[in-house]
Amino acid sequence: MNSTAHGRVEPTWGGDATDNAHPTPQANAANAANAANAANAAEDDTTGAGNANGGGPRPVDAFRALHHGRSPDDPLVLPGPWDAASARAFVAAGFPALATPGAGVAASLGYEDGRTPPAEMFAAVARIVRAVRPLGVPVSADIDDGYGLPAAELVERLLETGAIGCNLDDSGPGKVLKDPRRHADWLAEIRASAGDRLFLNARVDTFVRGVPDVAAAIERALLYEAAGADCVYPIGAPPAALPVMRAGGVKGPVNMVASAAGPADVLRNGFRELGELGATRITFGPGLLLRTTTALTDLGRSLL
């Protein structure tokens, strides 16, 4: 994957941009951090989201900056590690940040998607963070629908893992959509408890719960943005829904899920097309885990 797909942020101010042919993940994260708010960067490391180097901009600021100032053909691509080993592999490949997939972590622990006990999910996220934090790579975590925890407790437990952000579903047990206004109120409580210490990616589950009307997704996305979400995630949305959502008033970063199957050049073209339609960042759900386990199965068969 080329360096622009990893995380190079195009400047939105005057001057020339430089493009290193092979930037390290540390350099990518540092460049993004330099674009973050300097006042926020002064906060110390006691929040659980501070800089592992003991000074300078916080990882959460670097992560947030990666979502802004991007050109349409250069969405942020975030791979989803399911354990410490996969996290280190993605960092070695050059990615400046990671976003765990709930379904992928669940599978790695032997659970169905959405059935991971909270304690095990938080412990798994902590192991992933511990594996890459010394390298300066921030990690956002998929924590399903928040496990019914009060906002303040959820924030505290997430920060204890070292994660700098989270995905939060707006459907719960039984895959039933939550009331969007009540969910927005809960997101606002999380924002109030977290302040700017966490990047909130609010999932919009209408498309995967049998509601294809884009207007329903727009309603939820606007409510969640107003509640303080940094990004909205209309999981399962068809690409054609992106420009409709943008025209409907969704202004902030938008996360889209992409397939992890196929040749690398085809995948990269798909990322660019989603970016040009309005996507800010690309994730894969459990797709990278599934591709990896398929390769392992093939390897195993070849050894018999």
Protein backbone atom coordinates (compact mmCIF):
# COMPACT_ATOMS: atom_id res chain seq x y z
CA MET A 1 0.00 0.00 0.00
CA ASN A 2 1.36 3.38 -0.91
CA SER A 3 2.29 5.99 1.64
CA THR A 4 -0.69 8.22 0.89
CA ALA A 5 -3.12 5.44 1.75
CA HIS A 6 -1.41 4.93 5.10
CA GLY A 7 -1.84 8.34 6.56
CA ARG A 8 -0.07 11.24 4.89
CA VAL A 9 -2.13 14.34 5.63
CA GLU A 10 -2.28 16.97 2.92
CA PRO A 11 -1.81 20.43 4.42
CA THR A 12 -4.76 22.78 4.13
CA TRP A 13 -2.61 25.88 4.50
CA GLY A 14 -0.23 27.52 2.03
CA GLY A 15 3.15 26.06 1.16
CA ASP A 16 4.52 22.94 -0.46
CA ALA A 17 3.83 19.43 0.78
CA THR A 18 6.61 16.90 0.94
CA ASP A 19 6.03 13.22 0.26
CA ASN A 20 8.58 10.77 1.61
CA ALA A 21 8.70 7.59 -0.41
CA HIS A 22 8.87 5.30 2.60
CA PRO A 23 7.68 7.10 5.74
CA THR A 24 7.83 5.19 9.00
CA PRO A 25 4.68 4.83 11.10
CA GLN A 26 6.36 6.92 13.77
CA ALA A 27 6.99 9.71 11.25
CA ASN A 28 3.43 9.55 9.94
CA ALA A 29 1.99 9.78 13.43
CA ALA A 30 4.34 12.61 14.33
CA ASN A 31 3.42 14.58 11.22
CA ALA A 32 -0.26 14.22 12.03
CA ALA A 33 0.33 15.17 15.64
CA ASN A 34 2.00 18.41 14.59
CA ALA A 35 -1.28 19.44 13.01
CA ALA A 36 -3.20 18.86 16.26
CA ASN A 37 -4.13 21.53 18.76
CA ALA A 38 -1.03 22.62 20.68
CA ALA A 39 -2.99 23.48 23.80
CA ASN A 40 -4.41 19.98 24.04
CA ALA A 41 -0.94 18.56 23.53
CA ALA A 42 0.20 20.00 26.84
CA GLU A 43 -2.02 17.68 28.87
CA ASP A 44 0.02 15.20 30.92
CA ASP A 45 -0.01 11.41 30.56
CA THR A 46 -2.27 10.64 33.50
CA THR A 47 -5.38 10.46 31.31
CA GLY A 48 -4.43 7.18 29.66
CA ALA A 49 -4.20 8.96 26.30
CA GLY A 50 -0.90 10.75 26.74
CA ASN A 51 2.23 10.49 24.65
CA ALA A 52 4.33 7.40 25.30
CA ASN A 53 7.41 9.55 24.79
CA GLY A 54 6.54 11.64 27.84
CA GLY A 55 6.12 14.90 25.96
CA GLY A 56 4.75 16.50 22.84
CA PRO A 57 1.33 16.01 21.27
CA ARG A 58 -0.89 13.22 22.59
CA PRO A 59 -1.63 10.12 20.49
CA VAL A 60 -5.33 11.05 20.50
CA ASP A 61 -4.46 14.37 18.86
CA ALA A 62 -2.37 12.60 16.23
CA PHE A 63 -5.20 10.19 15.57
CA ARG A 64 -7.80 12.95 15.29
CA ALA A 65 -5.57 14.94 12.94
CA LEU A 66 -5.26 11.95 10.59
CA HIS A 67 -8.98 12.37 9.81
CA HIS A 68 -8.74 15.97 8.64
CA GLY A 69 -7.19 17.87 5.77
CA ARG A 70 -7.20 14.83 3.48
CA SER A 71 -7.63 14.94 -0.27
CA PRO A 72 -10.68 13.05 -1.58
CA ASP A 73 -8.55 10.38 -3.27
CA ASP A 74 -6.58 9.71 -0.07
CA PRO A 75 -8.86 8.33 2.66
CA LEU A 76 -7.29 7.12 5.88
CA VAL A 77 -6.92 3.33 5.78
CA LEU A 78 -6.98 1.69 9.21
CA PRO A 79 -6.31 -2.04 9.50
CA GLY A 80 -8.01 -3.99 12.25
CA PRO A 81 -5.69 -6.05 14.48
CA TRP A 82 -7.24 -8.84 16.52
CA ASP A 83 -4.26 -9.51 18.79
CA ALA A 84 -0.80 -8.20 19.64
CA ALA A 85 0.95 -10.11 16.86
CA SER A 86 -1.33 -8.81 14.11
CA ALA A 87 -1.02 -5.28 15.53
CA ARG A 88 2.76 -5.42 15.29
CA ALA A 89 2.54 -6.82 11.76
CA PHE A 90 0.39 -3.89 10.62
CA VAL A 91 2.74 -1.39 12.24
CA ALA A 92 5.70 -3.08 10.54
CA ALA A 93 3.82 -2.64 7.24
CA GLY A 94 3.79 1.13 7.84
CA PHE A 95 0.35 2.05 9.17
CA PRO A 96 0.30 5.10 11.47
CA ALA A 97 -2.76 4.02 13.49
CA LEU A 98 -4.92 0.96 14.12
CA ALA A 99 -8.62 0.30 14.79
CA THR A 100 -9.58 -3.02 16.35
CA PRO A 101 -12.64 -4.85 14.92
CA GLY A 102 -15.10 -6.15 17.51
CA ALA A 103 -15.93 -9.19 15.40
CA GLY A 104 -12.27 -9.94 14.76
CA VAL A 105 -11.29 -9.72 18.42
CA ALA A 106 -14.33 -11.83 19.33
CA ALA A 107 -13.27 -14.52 16.87
CA SER A 108 -9.71 -14.50 18.20
CA LEU A 109 -11.10 -15.13 21.68
CA GLY A 110 -13.52 -17.84 20.57
CA TYR A 111 -16.74 -15.82 20.74
CA GLU A 112 -19.43 -14.86 18.25
CA ASP A 113 -19.59 -11.23 17.24
CA GLY A 114 -21.21 -9.18 20.00
CA ARG A 115 -20.84 -11.94 22.60
CA THR A 116 -17.43 -11.05 24.03
CA PRO A 117 -17.60 -10.40 27.80
CA PRO A 118 -16.59 -6.79 28.50
CA ALA A 119 -13.66 -7.74 30.72
CA GLU A 120 -12.20 -9.94 27.98
CA MET A 121 -12.68 -7.27 25.32
CA PHE A 122 -10.99 -4.57 27.39
CA ALA A 123 -8.14 -6.96 28.24
CA ALA A 124 -7.65 -7.81 24.56
CA VAL A 125 -7.57 -4.13 23.63
CA ALA A 126 -5.02 -3.46 26.38
CA ARG A 127 -2.73 -6.18 24.99
CA ILE A 128 -2.94 -4.70 21.50
CA VAL A 129 -2.19 -1.20 22.80
CA ARG A 130 0.72 -2.48 24.87
CA ALA A 131 2.21 -4.15 21.80
CA VAL A 132 2.39 -0.98 19.69
CA ARG A 133 2.30 1.98 22.06
CA PRO A 134 6.12 2.07 22.44
CA LEU A 135 6.23 2.57 18.67
CA GLY A 136 4.02 5.67 18.91
CA VAL A 137 1.04 4.10 17.12
CA PRO A 138 -2.42 4.99 18.52
CA VAL A 139 -5.18 2.38 18.76
CA SER A 140 -8.93 2.88 18.58
CA ALA A 141 -11.14 0.06 19.85
CA ASP A 142 -14.46 -1.39 18.74
CA ILE A 143 -16.36 -1.94 21.98
CA ASP A 144 -19.68 -3.06 20.49
CA ASP A 145 -22.62 -1.13 21.97
CA GLY A 146 -20.84 -0.24 25.22
CA TYR A 147 -22.07 -3.30 27.16
CA GLY A 148 -24.74 -1.32 28.97
CA LEU A 149 -22.13 0.50 31.05
CA PRO A 150 -22.75 4.03 32.31
CA ALA A 151 -20.93 6.61 30.24
CA ALA A 152 -18.39 7.58 32.90
CA GLU A 153 -17.50 3.96 33.67
CA LEU A 154 -17.18 3.09 29.98
CA VAL A 155 -14.81 6.02 29.44
CA GLU A 156 -12.73 5.10 32.49
CA ARG A 157 -12.38 1.45 31.47
CA LEU A 158 -11.51 2.34 27.90
CA LEU A 159 -8.87 4.86 28.93
CA GLU A 160 -7.37 2.27 31.27
CA THR A 161 -6.61 0.10 28.23
CA GLY A 162 -4.59 2.92 26.65
CA ALA A 163 -6.93 3.18 23.65
CA ILE A 164 -7.47 6.67 22.26
CA GLY A 165 -10.84 6.10 20.62
CA CYS A 166 -13.74 3.74 20.15
CA ASN A 167 -16.50 2.52 17.87
CA LEU A 168 -19.95 2.45 19.46
CA ASP A 169 -22.87 0.66 17.79
CA ASP A 170 -26.39 2.08 17.77
CA SER A 171 -28.00 -1.34 17.85
CA GLY A 172 -27.90 -3.57 20.88
CA PRO A 173 -28.79 -7.08 22.02
CA GLY A 174 -30.90 -8.89 19.46
CA LYS A 175 -29.51 -6.56 16.79
CA VAL A 176 -32.31 -4.09 17.43
CA LEU A 177 -31.76 -0.45 16.51
CA LYS A 178 -31.68 1.90 19.47
CA ASP A 179 -33.78 5.05 19.62
CA PRO A 180 -31.53 7.57 17.87
CA ARG A 181 -32.24 10.48 20.20
CA ARG A 182 -31.63 8.46 23.34
CA HIS A 183 -28.46 7.07 21.79
CA ALA A 184 -27.34 10.59 20.91
CA ASP A 185 -27.93 11.64 24.52
CA TRP A 186 -25.74 8.74 25.68
CA LEU A 187 -23.01 9.71 23.22
CA ALA A 188 -23.17 13.25 24.59
CA GLU A 189 -22.65 11.84 28.10
CA ILE A 190 -19.61 9.93 26.85
CA ARG A 191 -18.23 13.07 25.25
CA ALA A 192 -18.78 15.01 28.45
CA SER A 193 -16.99 12.33 30.50
CA ALA A 194 -14.12 11.89 28.04
CA GLY A 195 -13.64 15.48 27.02
CA ASP A 196 -11.23 15.42 24.09
CA ARG A 197 -9.35 12.37 25.37
CA LEU A 198 -11.22 9.93 23.12
CA PHE A 199 -12.05 9.88 19.41
CA LEU A 200 -15.69 8.79 19.11
CA ASN A 201 -16.68 6.85 16.00
CA ALA A 202 -20.48 6.52 16.12
CA ARG A 203 -21.75 3.58 14.13
CA VAL A 204 -25.00 3.95 12.19
CA ASP A 205 -26.52 0.48 11.89
CA THR A 206 -29.58 1.17 9.77
CA PHE A 207 -28.25 -0.48 6.61
CA VAL A 208 -27.19 -3.69 8.37
CA ARG A 209 -30.47 -3.84 10.29
CA GLY A 210 -32.70 -3.84 7.22
CA VAL A 211 -33.41 -0.10 6.88
CA PRO A 212 -32.10 0.88 3.43
CA ASP A 213 -33.53 4.42 3.50
CA VAL A 214 -30.57 6.82 3.40
CA ALA A 215 -32.67 9.48 5.12
CA ALA A 216 -32.78 7.31 8.25
CA ALA A 217 -28.99 7.07 8.25
CA ILE A 218 -28.65 10.83 7.75
CA GLU A 219 -30.99 11.53 10.69
CA ARG A 220 -28.87 9.39 13.00
CA ALA A 221 -25.56 10.69 11.68
CA LEU A 222 -26.57 14.32 12.23
CA LEU A 223 -27.77 13.58 15.76
CA TYR A 224 -24.52 11.80 16.61
CA GLU A 225 -22.38 14.58 15.15
CA ALA A 226 -24.32 17.11 17.22
CA ALA A 227 -23.74 14.94 20.30
CA GLY A 228 -19.99 15.20 19.84
CA ALA A 229 -19.04 12.23 17.67
CA ASP A 230 -15.78 12.78 15.80
CA CYS A 231 -16.79 10.43 12.98
CA VAL A 232 -19.89 8.53 11.86
CA TYR A 233 -19.82 5.00 10.51
CA PRO A 234 -22.76 3.92 8.32
CA ILE A 235 -21.71 0.29 8.28
CA GLY A 236 -23.01 -1.64 5.30
CA ALA A 237 -23.97 1.51 3.39
CA PRO A 238 -23.76 1.17 -0.39
CA PRO A 239 -21.17 3.51 -1.92
CA ALA A 240 -23.95 5.45 -3.65
CA ALA A 241 -25.26 6.50 -0.23
CA LEU A 242 -22.13 8.52 0.53
CA PRO A 243 -22.81 11.56 -1.69
CA VAL A 244 -26.44 11.53 -0.55
CA MET A 245 -25.32 11.66 3.08
CA ARG A 246 -22.92 14.50 2.30
CA ALA A 247 -25.66 16.40 0.49
CA GLY A 248 -27.93 15.75 3.47
CA GLY A 249 -25.64 17.67 5.80
CA VAL A 250 -23.15 15.13 7.16
CA LYS A 251 -20.02 17.30 7.34
CA GLY A 252 -17.56 15.44 9.55
CA PRO A 253 -15.42 12.38 8.89
CA VAL A 254 -17.25 9.30 7.59
CA ASN A 255 -16.02 5.73 8.05
CA MET A 256 -16.80 3.10 5.42
CA VAL A 257 -16.11 -0.62 5.61
CA ALA A 258 -14.32 -2.18 2.64
CA SER A 259 -13.67 -5.71 1.51
CA ALA A 260 -10.27 -7.19 2.30
CA ALA A 261 -10.53 -9.77 -0.48
CA GLY A 262 -8.80 -9.40 -3.82
CA PRO A 263 -5.55 -8.11 -5.29
CA ALA A 264 -3.92 -5.14 -3.55
CA ASP A 265 -4.20 -2.82 -6.56
CA VAL A 266 -7.94 -3.50 -6.85
CA LEU A 267 -8.39 -2.82 -3.14
CA ARG A 268 -6.47 0.46 -3.34
CA ASN A 269 -8.58 1.59 -6.30
CA GLY A 270 -11.68 0.80 -4.25
CA PHE A 271 -10.40 2.89 -1.34
CA ARG A 272 -9.79 5.84 -3.64
CA GLU A 273 -13.26 5.54 -5.16
CA LEU A 274 -14.88 5.53 -1.72
CA GLY A 275 -12.85 8.60 -0.77
CA GLU A 276 -13.95 10.45 -3.86
CA LEU A 277 -17.58 9.64 -3.01
CA GLY A 278 -17.22 11.12 0.47
CA ALA A 279 -15.52 8.58 2.75
CA THR A 280 -12.83 9.87 5.11
CA ARG A 281 -11.54 6.59 6.44
CA ILE A 282 -11.64 2.92 5.48
CA THR A 283 -11.82 -0.05 7.83
CA PHE A 284 -12.35 -3.75 7.20
CA GLY A 285 -14.35 -5.20 10.06
CA PRO A 286 -13.09 -8.78 10.54
CA GLY A 287 -12.08 -8.99 6.86
CA LEU A 288 -8.33 -9.01 7.43
CA LEU A 289 -8.65 -11.74 10.06
CA LEU A 290 -10.76 -13.85 7.68
CA ARG A 291 -8.24 -13.41 4.89
CA THR A 292 -5.42 -14.36 7.23
CA THR A 293 -7.14 -17.47 8.58
CA THR A 294 -7.94 -18.58 5.03
CA ALA A 295 -4.26 -18.27 4.15
CA LEU A 296 -3.33 -20.22 7.29
CA THR A 297 -5.79 -22.97 6.37
CA ASP A 298 -4.28 -23.20 2.89
CA LEU A 299 -0.80 -23.33 4.38
CA GLY A 300 -1.85 -26.05 6.80
CA ARG A 301 -3.32 -28.15 4.02
CA SER A 302 -0.10 -27.83 2.05
CA LEU A 303 1.79 -29.32 4.96
CA LEU A 304 -0.32 -32.48 5.20
